[in-house]
Amino acid sequence: MKRIATQFNLPWTSDEAALQAQIDDFIDPALQKSDSGENLADFEARTDVKTDVKALYLLGRQAAADPDYFASAEFQQRIDEMTDEYLAKYGALYRDFNVKINSKTFFVFGEDQAQVDQVNTTLRNDQVKMVGTEADSHEVAEDLSERLNNNTIAIQTYPLDYLVVEQKEALNNYLRKNAKRETLWGIGNAKNNEIVEMLTTVSAELGADTHNVVIADDLTAITDERERRLAIQHLIRTLHAVEQPPYLVLMADGLGTPASQSAVTAFIAAEPTKAAPLRDEQPDETFKLRTPLDMDEVAATLTALCRRASQDEQQQAALNHFVSLNYDEILNVKGDQYANSVRN
């Protein structure tokens, strides 16, 4: 207590004996129930305490006992290292340990807002409270997509990046608030495509029952090479992030059909599942693209697989297989010079 008073320039009694007597009179040692009775060596040997928690406690003890070490660059470096290790392991935010969220949350992913709005309308007709570009998450999506596009943050790691803790917290709070208030609700916003990894990460941390709807374009119909490449990469990112079921693929050229509307209705009614995705037993060679990539081949193959998955959810296993095998290569295509590369 005296160390605390000294550090914060607080008044301290001149009669420490009287203070000690007051403390002894107030505290009853017989009421102490949390003392494990172990020494520091016993603590260091414990296996029921996680290694990182143990390391942080021991570091704190060292700093408390040695003010010079606490003020040193060595201590700060160790804290920075432990922070980075924690973020990589657990993410930039706490897990949400509130009561289970029993509602269903729907995210609609698509390149074109008009197409997304069409799916939003179908969902609303089935009593899902959908929001679009007016969602509070829209500003977060714009900010994160700008950072992703200028390479300030990386696609592979940004959901765990401490640089976006504020944005992640805003998204976390918004999703949690609505998921606890509405039985069926969701966000249909073309900007969702840009932050699909963040949305799925936060939803998983919340324990939300999330259902993802993916609108797939006929990629072979896109003539502009750069536009097609970006559309392919967005779709690959989305499919990779939503692989854990349930998700629904809808072809953009069939959104208004009765089959599409029936698929959405059935998807809303489906019971949540924690089962692992269906596995495709075909050999990797069936789906592995040849390098250097021919983006015409990528567009045709991905479109065909999406179309099959939109007609039969069992075909999602083959689509997932293709995405997992080719994800890195497709995302690493940087420019239009790759668009017409010659196949091996």
Protein backbone atom coordinates (compact mmCIF):
# COMPACT_ATOMS: atom_id res chain seq x y z
CA MET A 1 0.00 0.00 0.00
CA LYS A 2 2.85 2.37 0.78
CA ARG A 3 4.40 1.70 -2.62
CA ILE A 4 1.09 2.55 -4.29
CA ALA A 5 0.74 5.76 -2.26
CA THR A 6 4.29 6.78 -3.13
CA GLN A 7 3.86 6.04 -6.84
CA PHE A 8 0.67 8.14 -7.10
CA ASN A 9 1.82 10.86 -4.67
CA LEU A 10 -0.94 10.08 -2.15
CA PRO A 11 -0.78 11.07 1.54
CA TRP A 12 0.62 8.43 3.90
CA THR A 13 0.27 8.18 7.66
CA SER A 14 3.22 9.05 9.88
CA ASP A 15 2.13 6.44 12.44
CA GLU A 16 2.55 3.13 10.66
CA ALA A 17 2.19 1.19 13.91
CA ALA A 18 -1.33 2.56 14.40
CA LEU A 19 -2.16 1.68 10.77
CA GLN A 20 -0.87 -1.85 11.27
CA ALA A 21 -3.04 -2.19 14.38
CA GLN A 22 -6.11 -1.06 12.43
CA ILE A 23 -5.37 -3.56 9.69
CA ASP A 24 -4.87 -6.39 12.17
CA ASP A 25 -8.12 -5.49 13.89
CA PHE A 26 -10.08 -5.35 10.64
CA ILE A 27 -8.75 -8.46 8.85
CA ASP A 28 -9.57 -11.91 10.20
CA PRO A 29 -7.08 -14.44 8.78
CA ALA A 30 -9.53 -17.25 9.57
CA LEU A 31 -11.79 -15.97 6.78
CA GLN A 32 -9.14 -16.44 4.10
CA LYS A 33 -10.36 -19.24 1.88
CA SER A 34 -8.38 -18.79 -1.33
CA ASP A 35 -4.86 -19.58 -0.11
CA SER A 36 -3.66 -22.72 -1.88
CA GLY A 37 -0.69 -22.99 0.44
CA GLU A 38 1.69 -23.69 -2.43
CA ASN A 39 5.05 -22.03 -2.97
CA LEU A 40 6.34 -20.47 -6.19
CA ALA A 41 8.10 -23.65 -7.27
CA ASP A 42 4.84 -25.59 -6.91
CA PHE A 43 3.06 -22.96 -8.99
CA GLU A 44 5.66 -23.13 -11.76
CA ALA A 45 5.23 -26.91 -11.88
CA ARG A 46 1.44 -26.82 -12.17
CA THR A 47 -0.06 -28.32 -15.35
CA ASP A 48 -3.62 -27.03 -14.87
CA VAL A 49 -2.60 -23.41 -15.54
CA LYS A 50 -2.03 -22.42 -19.17
CA THR A 51 1.54 -21.64 -20.08
CA ASP A 52 0.83 -18.09 -21.24
CA VAL A 53 -1.19 -17.29 -18.10
CA LYS A 54 1.60 -18.66 -15.91
CA ALA A 55 4.24 -16.68 -17.82
CA LEU A 56 2.30 -13.43 -17.43
CA TYR A 57 1.86 -13.95 -13.67
CA LEU A 58 5.54 -14.70 -13.17
CA LEU A 59 6.52 -11.69 -15.24
CA GLY A 60 4.26 -9.53 -13.09
CA ARG A 61 5.88 -10.85 -9.91
CA GLN A 62 9.33 -10.07 -11.29
CA ALA A 63 8.32 -6.55 -12.24
CA ALA A 64 6.69 -5.93 -8.85
CA ALA A 65 9.85 -7.01 -7.03
CA ASP A 66 12.26 -5.09 -9.24
CA PRO A 67 11.28 -1.49 -10.16
CA ASP A 68 14.34 -1.14 -12.40
CA TYR A 69 13.31 -4.19 -14.41
CA PHE A 70 9.74 -2.88 -14.60
CA ALA A 71 11.06 0.36 -16.13
CA SER A 72 13.41 -1.42 -18.54
CA ALA A 73 13.22 -1.90 -22.31
CA GLU A 74 13.60 -5.63 -21.69
CA PHE A 75 10.33 -5.73 -19.74
CA GLN A 76 8.51 -3.72 -22.42
CA GLN A 77 9.84 -5.99 -25.15
CA ARG A 78 8.62 -9.07 -23.29
CA ILE A 79 5.18 -7.51 -22.82
CA ASP A 80 5.01 -6.71 -26.55
CA GLU A 81 5.98 -10.29 -27.41
CA MET A 82 3.34 -11.72 -25.08
CA THR A 83 0.71 -9.36 -26.53
CA ASP A 84 1.48 -10.50 -30.08
CA GLU A 85 1.37 -14.15 -28.96
CA TYR A 86 -1.99 -13.60 -27.27
CA LEU A 87 -3.50 -11.87 -30.32
CA ALA A 88 -2.29 -14.61 -32.64
CA LYS A 89 -3.77 -17.29 -30.38
CA TYR A 90 -6.99 -15.74 -29.12
CA GLY A 91 -7.79 -12.76 -31.35
CA ALA A 92 -8.04 -9.04 -30.77
CA LEU A 93 -11.13 -9.19 -28.56
CA TYR A 94 -12.46 -11.17 -25.67
CA ARG A 95 -14.71 -14.11 -26.36
CA ASP A 96 -18.35 -13.36 -25.65
CA PHE A 97 -19.32 -15.54 -22.69
CA ASN A 98 -22.84 -14.14 -22.34
CA VAL A 99 -25.86 -16.40 -22.42
CA LYS A 100 -26.38 -18.43 -25.57
CA ILE A 101 -27.78 -16.48 -28.51
CA ASN A 102 -30.81 -18.39 -29.74
CA SER A 103 -31.66 -16.28 -32.78
CA LYS A 104 -30.57 -16.88 -36.37
CA THR A 105 -28.31 -14.36 -38.09
CA PHE A 106 -28.13 -14.18 -41.89
CA PHE A 107 -25.34 -12.63 -43.95
CA VAL A 108 -25.79 -12.13 -47.68
CA PHE A 109 -22.59 -11.94 -49.72
CA GLY A 110 -22.59 -10.69 -53.30
CA GLU A 111 -20.77 -8.36 -55.67
CA ASP A 112 -23.82 -6.34 -56.74
CA GLN A 113 -26.01 -4.49 -54.25
CA ALA A 114 -29.09 -4.84 -56.46
CA GLN A 115 -28.69 -8.63 -56.38
CA VAL A 116 -28.11 -8.55 -52.63
CA ASP A 117 -31.26 -6.43 -52.20
CA GLN A 118 -33.19 -9.02 -54.18
CA VAL A 119 -32.13 -11.74 -51.73
CA ASN A 120 -32.85 -9.39 -48.81
CA THR A 121 -36.42 -9.05 -50.09
CA THR A 122 -36.82 -12.82 -50.32
CA LEU A 123 -35.56 -13.16 -46.74
CA ARG A 124 -37.89 -10.40 -45.53
CA ASN A 125 -40.82 -12.18 -47.14
CA ASP A 126 -39.95 -15.10 -44.88
CA GLN A 127 -40.01 -12.90 -41.76
CA VAL A 128 -36.26 -12.24 -41.50
CA LYS A 129 -35.51 -8.67 -40.41
CA MET A 130 -32.86 -7.68 -42.94
CA VAL A 131 -30.83 -4.48 -43.10
CA GLY A 132 -28.71 -3.37 -46.03
CA THR A 133 -26.32 -0.49 -46.55
CA GLU A 134 -27.97 1.36 -43.66
CA ALA A 135 -26.56 -1.18 -41.19
CA ASP A 136 -24.26 0.20 -38.51
CA SER A 137 -21.67 -2.27 -39.77
CA HIS A 138 -21.45 -0.49 -43.15
CA GLU A 139 -19.00 2.16 -41.92
CA VAL A 140 -16.82 -0.53 -40.37
CA ALA A 141 -16.87 -2.48 -43.64
CA GLU A 142 -15.85 0.60 -45.64
CA ASP A 143 -12.97 1.33 -43.28
CA LEU A 144 -11.66 -2.23 -43.23
CA SER A 145 -12.03 -2.69 -47.00
CA GLU A 146 -10.01 0.49 -47.57
CA ARG A 147 -7.24 -0.82 -45.33
CA LEU A 148 -7.29 -4.20 -47.04
CA ASN A 149 -7.11 -2.61 -50.48
CA ASN A 150 -4.14 -0.42 -49.56
CA ASN A 151 -2.41 -3.34 -47.78
CA THR A 152 -2.40 -1.65 -44.38
CA ILE A 153 -3.83 -4.89 -43.01
CA ALA A 154 -3.60 -8.39 -44.47
CA ILE A 155 -6.49 -10.63 -45.55
CA GLN A 156 -5.01 -13.67 -43.82
CA THR A 157 -4.61 -12.06 -40.38
CA TYR A 158 -6.71 -8.89 -40.00
CA PRO A 159 -9.48 -10.44 -37.82
CA LEU A 160 -6.77 -10.94 -35.16
CA ASP A 161 -4.95 -7.66 -35.77
CA TYR A 162 -4.75 -5.26 -32.84
CA LEU A 163 -4.74 -2.40 -35.39
CA VAL A 164 -8.47 -2.96 -35.94
CA VAL A 165 -9.57 -3.67 -32.36
CA GLU A 166 -11.87 -0.64 -32.34
CA GLN A 167 -13.59 -1.71 -35.56
CA LYS A 168 -13.91 -5.29 -34.37
CA GLU A 169 -15.40 -4.18 -31.07
CA ALA A 170 -17.97 -2.01 -32.88
CA LEU A 171 -18.91 -4.94 -35.10
CA ASN A 172 -19.04 -7.29 -32.12
CA ASN A 173 -21.37 -5.00 -30.19
CA TYR A 174 -23.65 -4.39 -33.17
CA LEU A 175 -24.02 -8.07 -34.05
CA ARG A 176 -24.50 -9.13 -30.44
CA LYS A 177 -27.14 -6.47 -29.78
CA ASN A 178 -29.24 -7.44 -32.78
CA ALA A 179 -28.74 -11.19 -32.43
CA LYS A 180 -30.07 -11.02 -28.87
CA ARG A 181 -32.99 -8.77 -29.79
CA GLU A 182 -34.30 -10.35 -33.00
CA THR A 183 -35.34 -13.96 -33.59
CA LEU A 184 -34.47 -13.81 -37.29
CA TRP A 185 -32.30 -10.99 -38.56
CA GLY A 186 -29.40 -10.30 -40.87
CA ILE A 187 -27.29 -7.97 -43.01
CA GLY A 188 -27.39 -7.93 -46.80
CA ASN A 189 -24.70 -5.54 -47.99
CA ALA A 190 -22.29 -5.86 -50.91
CA LYS A 191 -19.60 -4.54 -48.57
CA ASN A 192 -19.93 -7.81 -46.63
CA ASN A 193 -17.78 -9.33 -49.38
CA GLU A 194 -14.88 -7.15 -48.31
CA ILE A 195 -14.95 -8.20 -44.65
CA VAL A 196 -16.22 -11.77 -44.81
CA GLU A 197 -13.35 -13.07 -42.66
CA MET A 198 -14.13 -10.52 -39.94
CA LEU A 199 -17.87 -11.22 -39.97
CA THR A 200 -17.41 -14.97 -39.68
CA THR A 201 -14.74 -14.58 -36.98
CA VAL A 202 -16.83 -12.28 -34.80
CA SER A 203 -19.94 -14.43 -35.31
CA ALA A 204 -18.01 -17.50 -34.17
CA GLU A 205 -16.72 -15.64 -31.11
CA LEU A 206 -20.28 -14.64 -30.25
CA GLY A 207 -21.51 -18.19 -30.65
CA ALA A 208 -24.18 -16.91 -33.02
CA ASP A 209 -26.23 -19.28 -35.18
CA THR A 210 -25.08 -17.73 -38.44
CA HIS A 211 -26.43 -18.67 -41.87
CA ASN A 212 -24.54 -17.37 -44.89
CA VAL A 213 -26.01 -16.81 -48.35
CA VAL A 214 -23.46 -16.53 -51.17
CA ILE A 215 -24.48 -15.05 -54.52
CA ALA A 216 -22.26 -16.41 -57.29
CA ASP A 217 -22.01 -14.68 -60.67
CA ASP A 218 -21.36 -16.41 -63.95
CA LEU A 219 -17.70 -15.44 -63.92
CA THR A 220 -17.21 -16.46 -67.55
CA ALA A 221 -19.53 -13.62 -68.60
CA ILE A 222 -17.25 -10.92 -67.14
CA THR A 223 -15.14 -9.62 -70.03
CA ASP A 224 -12.99 -7.07 -68.21
CA GLU A 225 -9.96 -9.02 -66.97
CA ARG A 226 -9.34 -6.97 -63.85
CA GLU A 227 -13.02 -6.97 -62.86
CA ARG A 228 -13.20 -10.73 -63.37
CA ARG A 229 -10.04 -11.35 -61.32
CA LEU A 230 -11.38 -9.31 -58.41
CA ALA A 231 -14.77 -11.05 -58.61
CA ILE A 232 -13.05 -14.45 -58.52
CA GLN A 233 -10.91 -13.45 -55.55
CA HIS A 234 -13.88 -12.05 -53.62
CA LEU A 235 -15.88 -15.22 -54.25
CA ILE A 236 -12.96 -17.46 -53.24
CA ARG A 237 -12.47 -15.46 -50.03
CA THR A 238 -16.16 -15.71 -49.20
CA LEU A 239 -16.45 -19.43 -49.85
CA HIS A 240 -13.28 -20.09 -47.86
CA ALA A 241 -14.59 -18.12 -44.87
CA VAL A 242 -18.10 -19.64 -44.81
CA GLU A 243 -17.05 -23.25 -45.38
CA GLN A 244 -18.33 -24.35 -41.99
CA PRO A 245 -22.06 -25.11 -42.53
CA PRO A 246 -24.66 -23.95 -42.99
CA TYR A 247 -24.30 -21.83 -46.13
CA LEU A 248 -26.36 -21.51 -49.28
CA VAL A 249 -25.11 -20.80 -52.81
CA LEU A 250 -27.43 -18.90 -55.16
CA MET A 251 -26.57 -18.19 -58.80
CA ALA A 252 -27.05 -14.54 -59.70
CA ASP A 253 -28.82 -15.43 -62.96
CA GLY A 254 -31.44 -17.46 -61.07
CA LEU A 255 -32.31 -15.23 -58.14
CA GLY A 256 -35.89 -14.59 -59.24
CA THR A 257 -36.79 -18.20 -59.92
CA PRO A 258 -39.17 -20.22 -57.75
CA ALA A 259 -36.36 -22.73 -57.13
CA SER A 260 -34.16 -20.00 -55.66
CA GLN A 261 -36.93 -18.66 -53.47
CA SER A 262 -37.78 -22.17 -52.24
CA ALA A 263 -34.13 -22.78 -51.43
CA VAL A 264 -34.03 -19.62 -49.28
CA THR A 265 -37.23 -20.60 -47.46
CA ALA A 266 -35.85 -24.06 -46.68
CA PHE A 267 -32.53 -22.54 -45.60
CA ILE A 268 -34.26 -20.27 -43.09
CA ALA A 269 -36.18 -23.18 -41.61
CA ALA A 270 -33.16 -25.50 -41.35
CA GLU A 271 -32.05 -26.46 -37.88
CA PRO A 272 -28.59 -25.29 -36.81
CA THR A 273 -25.80 -27.81 -37.14
CA LYS A 274 -22.36 -28.03 -35.61
CA ALA A 275 -21.38 -30.97 -37.77
CA ALA A 276 -18.18 -30.81 -39.78
CA PRO A 277 -18.57 -29.98 -43.49
CA LEU A 278 -19.13 -32.88 -45.84
CA ARG A 279 -15.84 -34.20 -47.17
CA ASP A 280 -15.24 -34.73 -50.85
CA GLU A 281 -13.44 -38.02 -51.43
CA GLN A 282 -12.20 -37.26 -54.93
CA PRO A 283 -8.41 -36.97 -55.33
CA ASP A 284 -6.82 -33.52 -55.13
CA GLU A 285 -5.75 -33.83 -58.77
CA THR A 286 -9.40 -33.53 -59.77
CA PHE A 287 -9.58 -29.94 -58.51
CA LYS A 288 -6.02 -28.64 -58.38
CA LEU A 289 -5.50 -25.87 -60.93
CA ARG A 290 -2.41 -25.91 -63.08
CA THR A 291 0.10 -23.09 -62.72
CA PRO A 292 0.62 -20.47 -63.93
CA LEU A 293 -3.11 -19.93 -63.53
CA ASP A 294 -5.31 -19.46 -66.56
CA MET A 295 -8.06 -17.19 -65.23
CA ASP A 296 -10.40 -18.35 -67.99
CA GLU A 297 -10.10 -21.85 -66.59
CA VAL A 298 -10.53 -20.59 -63.02
CA ALA A 299 -13.69 -18.67 -63.96
CA ALA A 300 -15.23 -21.63 -65.81
CA THR A 301 -14.39 -24.20 -63.12
CA LEU A 302 -15.51 -22.07 -60.19
CA THR A 303 -18.76 -21.09 -61.92
CA ALA A 304 -19.58 -24.71 -62.74
CA LEU A 305 -18.92 -25.86 -59.17
CA CYS A 306 -21.04 -23.04 -57.73
CA ARG A 307 -23.89 -23.86 -60.08
CA ARG A 308 -23.87 -27.48 -58.98
CA ALA A 309 -23.72 -26.47 -55.32
CA SER A 310 -26.70 -24.15 -55.83
CA GLN A 311 -28.75 -27.10 -57.10
CA ASP A 312 -27.59 -29.70 -54.57
CA GLU A 313 -26.05 -28.85 -51.20
CA GLN A 314 -24.20 -32.18 -51.27
CA GLN A 315 -22.09 -30.65 -54.04
CA GLN A 316 -20.76 -28.08 -51.59
CA ALA A 317 -18.18 -30.66 -50.57
CA ALA A 318 -16.64 -30.59 -54.06
CA LEU A 319 -16.77 -26.78 -54.08
CA ASN A 320 -15.07 -26.63 -50.67
CA HIS A 321 -12.41 -29.05 -51.92
CA PHE A 322 -11.64 -26.82 -54.91
CA VAL A 323 -11.51 -23.67 -52.78
CA SER A 324 -9.21 -25.12 -50.11
CA LEU A 325 -6.78 -26.45 -52.72
CA ASN A 326 -6.54 -23.29 -54.80
CA TYR A 327 -7.22 -20.50 -52.29
CA ASP A 328 -3.65 -19.27 -51.88
CA GLU A 329 -2.76 -19.39 -55.58
CA ILE A 330 -5.89 -17.50 -56.64
CA LEU A 331 -5.47 -14.79 -53.98
CA ASN A 332 -1.82 -14.32 -54.93
CA VAL A 333 -2.67 -13.37 -58.52
CA LYS A 334 -1.83 -9.67 -58.43
CA GLY A 335 -2.40 -8.23 -61.88
CA ASP A 336 -4.00 -8.56 -65.25
CA GLN A 337 -0.82 -9.90 -66.81
CA TYR A 338 -1.76 -13.26 -65.29
CA ALA A 339 -5.20 -13.33 -66.85
CA ASN A 340 -4.20 -15.09 -70.07
CA SER A 341 -1.22 -17.06 -68.84
CA VAL A 342 -0.42 -20.24 -70.74
CA ARG A 343 -1.20 -23.45 -68.92
CA ASN A 344 1.52 -26.05 -68.29
